[in-house]
Amino acid sequence: MAEIPKVRTKDAELSLEQIASLLPGTGQVMASVSVCFGMCWHAAAAGSWDLSAYYLRRVRGLLRGLSVTRPKYADRLREFDTGVLEELYQALLGRNRAAFDRLYEEAADQANINHVETGHAYIRWRRPDQPPDKGLDLTNSA
């Protein structure tokens, strides 16, 4: 029988299975996506375009990582990323508030459709009334 590969850290030797079990689950990733997507809107509303773009890049990075750890969602996540999220990012880069607002709502609607279509209809996302991270200064200082 072949030896199970181990990865040595400074404190232990871990099997790939042990490492995989430490990866965040879909729920943890999506909770981070929710915070970042909410902050994206609030930063844009405050005129902090660069900060808003940062949060949208975080959303996209988290979703791309999820497509690797949960391949059953990969096609759907890629379509969402290269579709409405890319358009939303371009609106941010162009500092186009009207396009941003419209595309942000489109993205939220599509996320909710995705939840229904993947058997998670009980998850309905909406823009938070207050920034999820209340300690962050959203004023445009640049």
N, C-alpha and C. Protein backbone atom coordinates (compact mmCIF):
# COMPACT_ATOMS: atom_id res chain seq x y z
N MET A 1 0.84 -1.18 0.00
CA MET A 1 0.00 0.00 0.00
C MET A 1 0.89 1.24 0.00
N ALA A 2 0.50 2.24 -0.82
CA ALA A 2 1.28 3.47 -0.95
C ALA A 2 1.19 4.31 0.32
N GLU A 3 2.27 4.95 0.61
CA GLU A 3 2.31 5.82 1.78
C GLU A 3 1.50 7.09 1.50
N ILE A 4 0.73 7.51 2.49
CA ILE A 4 -0.08 8.73 2.36
C ILE A 4 0.84 9.94 2.47
N PRO A 5 0.82 10.83 1.45
CA PRO A 5 1.71 12.00 1.50
C PRO A 5 1.37 12.90 2.69
N LYS A 6 2.40 13.43 3.28
CA LYS A 6 2.25 14.36 4.41
C LYS A 6 2.92 15.68 4.07
N VAL A 7 2.40 16.73 4.67
CA VAL A 7 2.99 18.06 4.53
C VAL A 7 3.51 18.44 5.90
N ARG A 8 4.76 18.83 5.94
CA ARG A 8 5.38 19.20 7.21
C ARG A 8 5.21 20.70 7.44
N THR A 9 4.69 21.06 8.59
CA THR A 9 4.65 22.45 9.04
C THR A 9 5.66 22.59 10.16
N LYS A 10 5.79 23.77 10.72
CA LYS A 10 6.73 23.93 11.83
C LYS A 10 6.28 23.18 13.07
N ASP A 11 4.98 22.84 13.14
CA ASP A 11 4.45 22.21 14.35
C ASP A 11 4.00 20.76 14.17
N ALA A 12 3.77 20.34 12.92
CA ALA A 12 3.20 19.00 12.74
C ALA A 12 3.38 18.52 11.31
N GLU A 13 3.07 17.25 11.12
CA GLU A 13 2.95 16.68 9.79
C GLU A 13 1.47 16.41 9.56
N LEU A 14 0.95 16.93 8.46
CA LEU A 14 -0.47 16.81 8.18
C LEU A 14 -0.69 16.10 6.85
N SER A 15 -1.71 15.26 6.81
CA SER A 15 -2.07 14.63 5.55
C SER A 15 -2.84 15.65 4.71
N LEU A 16 -2.92 15.39 3.42
CA LEU A 16 -3.69 16.28 2.55
C LEU A 16 -5.16 16.31 2.98
N GLU A 17 -5.66 15.18 3.43
CA GLU A 17 -7.03 15.11 3.93
C GLU A 17 -7.23 16.03 5.15
N GLN A 18 -6.26 16.04 6.05
CA GLN A 18 -6.35 16.92 7.21
C GLN A 18 -6.32 18.38 6.78
N ILE A 19 -5.47 18.71 5.84
CA ILE A 19 -5.39 20.09 5.35
C ILE A 19 -6.71 20.48 4.68
N ALA A 20 -7.24 19.59 3.86
CA ALA A 20 -8.51 19.87 3.16
C ALA A 20 -9.64 20.10 4.16
N SER A 21 -9.62 19.37 5.26
CA SER A 21 -10.70 19.54 6.25
C SER A 21 -10.64 20.90 6.95
N LEU A 22 -9.50 21.58 6.85
CA LEU A 22 -9.34 22.89 7.48
C LEU A 22 -9.79 24.04 6.57
N LEU A 23 -10.06 23.74 5.30
CA LEU A 23 -10.50 24.79 4.39
C LEU A 23 -11.87 25.30 4.81
N PRO A 24 -12.13 26.59 4.62
CA PRO A 24 -13.45 27.11 5.01
C PRO A 24 -14.54 26.49 4.15
N GLY A 25 -15.67 26.26 4.77
CA GLY A 25 -16.82 25.72 4.05
C GLY A 25 -17.52 26.81 3.25
N THR A 26 -18.47 26.39 2.45
CA THR A 26 -19.22 27.32 1.62
C THR A 26 -19.87 28.42 2.47
N GLY A 27 -20.45 28.05 3.58
CA GLY A 27 -21.11 29.03 4.44
C GLY A 27 -20.16 30.10 4.95
N GLN A 28 -18.96 29.70 5.34
CA GLN A 28 -17.97 30.67 5.81
C GLN A 28 -17.54 31.60 4.69
N VAL A 29 -17.30 31.03 3.51
CA VAL A 29 -16.90 31.86 2.38
C VAL A 29 -18.01 32.84 2.02
N MET A 30 -19.24 32.34 1.97
CA MET A 30 -20.34 33.21 1.57
C MET A 30 -20.62 34.30 2.61
N ALA A 31 -20.36 34.03 3.88
CA ALA A 31 -20.50 35.07 4.90
C ALA A 31 -19.49 36.19 4.64
N SER A 32 -18.28 35.82 4.26
CA SER A 32 -17.26 36.83 3.92
C SER A 32 -17.65 37.58 2.65
N VAL A 33 -18.19 36.87 1.68
CA VAL A 33 -18.66 37.51 0.44
C VAL A 33 -19.73 38.55 0.78
N SER A 34 -20.65 38.18 1.65
CA SER A 34 -21.73 39.08 2.03
C SER A 34 -21.20 40.38 2.66
N VAL A 35 -20.26 40.24 3.57
CA VAL A 35 -19.67 41.43 4.21
C VAL A 35 -18.98 42.30 3.16
N CYS A 36 -18.17 41.68 2.33
CA CYS A 36 -17.43 42.44 1.32
C CYS A 36 -18.35 43.09 0.30
N PHE A 37 -19.40 42.39 -0.10
CA PHE A 37 -20.33 42.96 -1.09
C PHE A 37 -21.10 44.13 -0.48
N GLY A 38 -21.49 44.01 0.78
CA GLY A 38 -22.14 45.12 1.47
C GLY A 38 -21.21 46.32 1.61
N MET A 39 -19.96 46.07 1.95
CA MET A 39 -18.99 47.15 2.07
C MET A 39 -18.71 47.80 0.72
N CYS A 40 -18.74 47.01 -0.34
CA CYS A 40 -18.55 47.54 -1.69
C CYS A 40 -19.59 48.62 -1.97
N TRP A 41 -20.84 48.33 -1.66
CA TRP A 41 -21.90 49.31 -1.92
C TRP A 41 -21.73 50.55 -1.06
N HIS A 42 -21.50 50.36 0.20
CA HIS A 42 -21.40 51.50 1.12
C HIS A 42 -20.20 52.38 0.80
N ALA A 43 -19.09 51.77 0.38
CA ALA A 43 -17.92 52.57 0.00
C ALA A 43 -18.23 53.40 -1.25
N ALA A 44 -18.89 52.80 -2.23
CA ALA A 44 -19.26 53.55 -3.45
C ALA A 44 -20.23 54.67 -3.11
N ALA A 45 -21.18 54.39 -2.23
CA ALA A 45 -22.15 55.42 -1.83
C ALA A 45 -21.47 56.60 -1.15
N ALA A 46 -20.35 56.33 -0.48
CA ALA A 46 -19.59 57.40 0.19
C ALA A 46 -18.60 58.07 -0.75
N GLY A 47 -18.52 57.60 -1.99
CA GLY A 47 -17.59 58.17 -2.96
C GLY A 47 -16.19 57.62 -2.87
N SER A 48 -16.01 56.55 -2.11
CA SER A 48 -14.69 55.91 -1.98
C SER A 48 -14.57 54.81 -3.05
N TRP A 49 -14.35 55.25 -4.27
CA TRP A 49 -14.34 54.33 -5.41
C TRP A 49 -13.25 53.28 -5.29
N ASP A 50 -12.07 53.67 -4.87
CA ASP A 50 -10.97 52.71 -4.75
C ASP A 50 -11.27 51.66 -3.68
N LEU A 51 -11.84 52.08 -2.58
CA LEU A 51 -12.19 51.15 -1.52
C LEU A 51 -13.31 50.21 -1.99
N SER A 52 -14.26 50.75 -2.69
CA SER A 52 -15.34 49.93 -3.23
C SER A 52 -14.79 48.88 -4.19
N ALA A 53 -13.86 49.30 -5.06
CA ALA A 53 -13.24 48.36 -6.01
C ALA A 53 -12.46 47.29 -5.26
N TYR A 54 -11.79 47.67 -4.18
CA TYR A 54 -11.08 46.70 -3.35
C TYR A 54 -12.04 45.63 -2.83
N TYR A 55 -13.17 46.06 -2.30
CA TYR A 55 -14.13 45.09 -1.76
C TYR A 55 -14.72 44.21 -2.85
N LEU A 56 -14.95 44.76 -4.03
CA LEU A 56 -15.47 43.93 -5.11
C LEU A 56 -14.40 42.92 -5.56
N ARG A 57 -13.15 43.33 -5.59
CA ARG A 57 -12.08 42.37 -5.90
C ARG A 57 -12.03 41.25 -4.86
N ARG A 58 -12.25 41.59 -3.60
CA ARG A 58 -12.31 40.57 -2.54
C ARG A 58 -13.45 39.59 -2.80
N VAL A 59 -14.62 40.12 -3.16
CA VAL A 59 -15.77 39.26 -3.48
C VAL A 59 -15.38 38.30 -4.59
N ARG A 60 -14.81 38.83 -5.65
CA ARG A 60 -14.47 38.01 -6.80
C ARG A 60 -13.41 36.96 -6.45
N GLY A 61 -12.43 37.34 -5.65
CA GLY A 61 -11.41 36.39 -5.23
C GLY A 61 -11.98 35.27 -4.37
N LEU A 62 -12.86 35.63 -3.46
CA LEU A 62 -13.49 34.62 -2.61
C LEU A 62 -14.31 33.64 -3.45
N LEU A 63 -15.06 34.16 -4.40
CA LEU A 63 -15.89 33.30 -5.25
C LEU A 63 -15.03 32.42 -6.15
N ARG A 64 -13.93 32.95 -6.64
CA ARG A 64 -13.02 32.13 -7.46
C ARG A 64 -12.42 31.00 -6.63
N GLY A 65 -12.06 31.29 -5.39
CA GLY A 65 -11.55 30.24 -4.51
C GLY A 65 -12.62 29.19 -4.24
N LEU A 66 -13.86 29.63 -4.05
CA LEU A 66 -14.96 28.70 -3.79
C LEU A 66 -15.17 27.78 -4.99
N SER A 67 -14.96 28.31 -6.18
CA SER A 67 -15.15 27.46 -7.36
C SER A 67 -14.11 26.34 -7.42
N VAL A 68 -12.98 26.52 -6.76
CA VAL A 68 -11.95 25.47 -6.70
C VAL A 68 -12.33 24.43 -5.64
N THR A 69 -12.72 24.89 -4.47
CA THR A 69 -13.04 23.96 -3.38
C THR A 69 -14.42 23.33 -3.52
N ARG A 70 -15.30 23.95 -4.28
CA ARG A 70 -16.64 23.42 -4.53
C ARG A 70 -16.89 23.43 -6.04
N PRO A 71 -16.26 22.51 -6.76
CA PRO A 71 -16.33 22.53 -8.22
C PRO A 71 -17.74 22.40 -8.80
N LYS A 72 -18.68 21.88 -8.02
CA LYS A 72 -20.04 21.78 -8.55
C LYS A 72 -20.64 23.15 -8.83
N TYR A 73 -20.08 24.20 -8.23
CA TYR A 73 -20.56 25.57 -8.46
C TYR A 73 -19.68 26.35 -9.45
N ALA A 74 -18.63 25.73 -9.95
CA ALA A 74 -17.61 26.46 -10.73
C ALA A 74 -18.20 27.17 -11.95
N ASP A 75 -18.99 26.49 -12.74
CA ASP A 75 -19.54 27.13 -13.96
C ASP A 75 -20.44 28.31 -13.60
N ARG A 76 -21.28 28.12 -12.63
CA ARG A 76 -22.21 29.17 -12.20
C ARG A 76 -21.43 30.37 -11.65
N LEU A 77 -20.41 30.12 -10.84
CA LEU A 77 -19.62 31.21 -10.26
C LEU A 77 -18.81 31.94 -11.34
N ARG A 78 -18.28 31.19 -12.30
CA ARG A 78 -17.51 31.82 -13.39
C ARG A 78 -18.42 32.73 -14.22
N GLU A 79 -19.62 32.26 -14.50
CA GLU A 79 -20.58 33.07 -15.27
C GLU A 79 -20.95 34.34 -14.51
N PHE A 80 -21.17 34.23 -13.21
CA PHE A 80 -21.51 35.38 -12.37
C PHE A 80 -20.34 36.37 -12.35
N ASP A 81 -19.12 35.84 -12.20
CA ASP A 81 -17.92 36.68 -12.13
C ASP A 81 -17.66 37.41 -13.44
N THR A 82 -17.67 36.67 -14.54
CA THR A 82 -17.33 37.27 -15.83
C THR A 82 -18.48 38.06 -16.44
N GLY A 83 -19.66 37.89 -15.88
CA GLY A 83 -20.83 38.62 -16.35
C GLY A 83 -21.06 39.88 -15.54
N VAL A 84 -22.01 39.83 -14.65
CA VAL A 84 -22.43 41.03 -13.94
C VAL A 84 -21.34 41.60 -13.02
N LEU A 85 -20.52 40.75 -12.40
CA LEU A 85 -19.49 41.31 -11.52
C LEU A 85 -18.41 42.05 -12.31
N GLU A 86 -18.07 41.56 -13.49
CA GLU A 86 -17.09 42.28 -14.32
C GLU A 86 -17.68 43.63 -14.76
N GLU A 87 -18.94 43.63 -15.15
CA GLU A 87 -19.59 44.89 -15.54
C GLU A 87 -19.63 45.85 -14.36
N LEU A 88 -19.93 45.33 -13.18
CA LEU A 88 -19.96 46.15 -11.97
C LEU A 88 -18.57 46.73 -11.69
N TYR A 89 -17.54 45.92 -11.88
CA TYR A 89 -16.17 46.38 -11.66
C TYR A 89 -15.82 47.50 -12.65
N GLN A 90 -16.22 47.35 -13.88
CA GLN A 90 -15.95 48.39 -14.88
C GLN A 90 -16.68 49.68 -14.52
N ALA A 91 -17.89 49.58 -14.00
CA ALA A 91 -18.62 50.78 -13.55
C ALA A 91 -17.87 51.46 -12.41
N LEU A 92 -17.30 50.66 -11.52
CA LEU A 92 -16.50 51.22 -10.42
C LEU A 92 -15.27 51.93 -10.95
N LEU A 93 -14.56 51.28 -11.85
CA LEU A 93 -13.35 51.89 -12.40
C LEU A 93 -13.67 53.19 -13.12
N GLY A 94 -14.84 53.23 -13.77
CA GLY A 94 -15.26 54.44 -14.47
C GLY A 94 -15.95 55.45 -13.56
N ARG A 95 -16.09 55.08 -12.29
CA ARG A 95 -16.76 55.95 -11.29
C ARG A 95 -18.14 56.41 -11.77
N ASN A 96 -18.85 55.46 -12.34
CA ASN A 96 -20.17 55.70 -12.90
C ASN A 96 -21.21 55.24 -11.88
N ARG A 97 -21.70 56.16 -11.09
CA ARG A 97 -22.60 55.81 -9.99
C ARG A 97 -23.91 55.22 -10.48
N ALA A 98 -24.49 55.78 -11.54
CA ALA A 98 -25.77 55.27 -12.03
C ALA A 98 -25.62 53.82 -12.51
N ALA A 99 -24.57 53.55 -13.28
CA ALA A 99 -24.34 52.19 -13.75
C ALA A 99 -24.03 51.26 -12.58
N PHE A 100 -23.23 51.75 -11.64
CA PHE A 100 -22.89 50.95 -10.46
C PHE A 100 -24.16 50.55 -9.70
N ASP A 101 -25.03 51.51 -9.40
CA ASP A 101 -26.25 51.21 -8.65
C ASP A 101 -27.10 50.17 -9.37
N ARG A 102 -27.27 50.33 -10.68
CA ARG A 102 -28.09 49.40 -11.46
C ARG A 102 -27.47 48.01 -11.46
N LEU A 103 -26.16 47.94 -11.71
CA LEU A 103 -25.49 46.65 -11.78
C LEU A 103 -25.36 45.97 -10.42
N TYR A 104 -25.25 46.76 -9.38
CA TYR A 104 -25.18 46.20 -8.03
C TYR A 104 -26.49 45.46 -7.72
N GLU A 105 -27.61 46.11 -8.04
CA GLU A 105 -28.92 45.47 -7.82
C GLU A 105 -29.07 44.24 -8.70
N GLU A 106 -28.57 44.31 -9.93
CA GLU A 106 -28.60 43.16 -10.84
C GLU A 106 -27.80 42.00 -10.25
N ALA A 107 -26.64 42.31 -9.70
CA ALA A 107 -25.80 41.27 -9.10
C ALA A 107 -26.49 40.64 -7.90
N ALA A 108 -27.11 41.46 -7.06
CA ALA A 108 -27.83 40.92 -5.90
C ALA A 108 -28.99 40.04 -6.36
N ASP A 109 -29.72 40.48 -7.37
CA ASP A 109 -30.82 39.68 -7.91
C ASP A 109 -30.31 38.35 -8.45
N GLN A 110 -29.21 38.39 -9.19
CA GLN A 110 -28.65 37.16 -9.75
C GLN A 110 -28.15 36.23 -8.65
N ALA A 111 -27.56 36.79 -7.61
CA ALA A 111 -27.11 35.97 -6.48
C ALA A 111 -28.30 35.24 -5.86
N ASN A 112 -29.41 35.94 -5.72
CA ASN A 112 -30.60 35.32 -5.14
C ASN A 112 -31.18 34.24 -6.05
N ILE A 113 -31.12 34.46 -7.36
CA ILE A 113 -31.55 33.43 -8.31
C ILE A 113 -30.64 32.21 -8.18
N ASN A 114 -29.35 32.46 -8.07
CA ASN A 114 -28.40 31.35 -7.90
C ASN A 114 -28.69 30.56 -6.63
N HIS A 115 -29.04 31.26 -5.57
CA HIS A 115 -29.37 30.56 -4.32
C HIS A 115 -30.58 29.65 -4.52
N VAL A 116 -31.61 30.15 -5.18
CA VAL A 116 -32.81 29.34 -5.44
C VAL A 116 -32.44 28.14 -6.30
N GLU A 117 -31.70 28.37 -7.37
CA GLU A 117 -31.37 27.30 -8.32
C GLU A 117 -30.43 26.25 -7.74
N THR A 118 -29.72 26.58 -6.69
CA THR A 118 -28.82 25.60 -6.06
C THR A 118 -29.43 24.98 -4.80
N GLY A 119 -30.73 25.21 -4.60
CA GLY A 119 -31.41 24.59 -3.47
C GLY A 119 -31.28 25.34 -2.16
N HIS A 120 -30.94 26.63 -2.25
CA HIS A 120 -30.78 27.44 -1.03
C HIS A 120 -31.70 28.65 -1.07
N ALA A 121 -32.96 28.42 -1.41
CA ALA A 121 -33.93 29.51 -1.55
C ALA A 121 -34.13 30.28 -0.24
N TYR A 122 -33.78 29.68 0.87
CA TYR A 122 -33.91 30.35 2.17
C TYR A 122 -32.85 31.43 2.36
N ILE A 123 -31.88 31.50 1.46
CA ILE A 123 -30.87 32.57 1.53
C ILE A 123 -31.26 33.64 0.53
N ARG A 124 -31.63 34.79 1.04
CA ARG A 124 -32.02 35.91 0.18
C ARG A 124 -31.17 37.11 0.60
N TRP A 125 -30.30 37.53 -0.30
CA TRP A 125 -29.38 38.61 0.01
C TRP A 125 -30.01 39.96 -0.31
N ARG A 126 -29.73 40.93 0.52
CA ARG A 126 -30.12 42.32 0.24
C ARG A 126 -29.03 43.22 0.79
N ARG A 127 -28.94 44.39 0.21
CA ARG A 127 -27.94 45.35 0.65
C ARG A 127 -28.22 45.77 2.09
N PRO A 128 -27.20 45.72 2.93
CA PRO A 128 -27.42 46.12 4.33
C PRO A 128 -27.61 47.63 4.46
N ASP A 129 -28.49 48.02 5.36
CA ASP A 129 -28.75 49.45 5.58
C ASP A 129 -27.52 50.18 6.11
N GLN A 130 -26.71 49.49 6.88
CA GLN A 130 -25.50 50.06 7.46
C GLN A 130 -24.29 49.27 6.96
N PRO A 131 -23.13 49.89 6.89
CA PRO A 131 -21.93 49.14 6.48
C PRO A 131 -21.66 47.99 7.45
N PRO A 132 -21.38 46.79 6.94
CA PRO A 132 -21.10 45.66 7.83
C PRO A 132 -19.91 45.92 8.76
N ASP A 133 -18.91 46.64 8.30
CA ASP A 133 -17.75 46.98 9.13
C ASP A 133 -17.90 48.44 9.53
N LYS A 134 -18.49 48.66 10.70
CA LYS A 134 -18.77 50.03 11.14
C LYS A 134 -17.52 50.80 11.58
N GLY A 135 -16.43 50.09 11.76
CA GLY A 135 -15.20 50.75 12.22
C GLY A 135 -14.35 51.29 11.10
N LEU A 136 -14.73 51.08 9.86
CA LEU A 136 -13.92 51.51 8.73
C LEU A 136 -14.39 52.87 8.23
N ASP A 137 -13.47 53.78 8.06
CA ASP A 137 -13.78 55.11 7.54
C ASP A 137 -14.03 54.99 6.03
N LEU A 138 -15.24 55.28 5.61
CA LEU A 138 -15.60 55.17 4.21
C LEU A 138 -15.48 56.49 3.44
N THR A 139 -15.07 57.53 4.13
CA THR A 139 -14.97 58.82 3.42
C THR A 139 -13.84 58.75 2.41
N ASN A 140 -14.02 59.48 1.35
CA ASN A 140 -13.06 59.46 0.27
C ASN A 140 -11.89 60.37 0.64
N SER A 141 -10.77 59.78 1.00
CA SER A 141 -9.61 60.57 1.42
C SER A 141 -8.57 60.70 0.30
N ALA A 142 -8.82 60.08 -0.83
CA ALA A 142 -7.85 60.14 -1.93
C ALA A 142 -8.10 61.33 -2.84
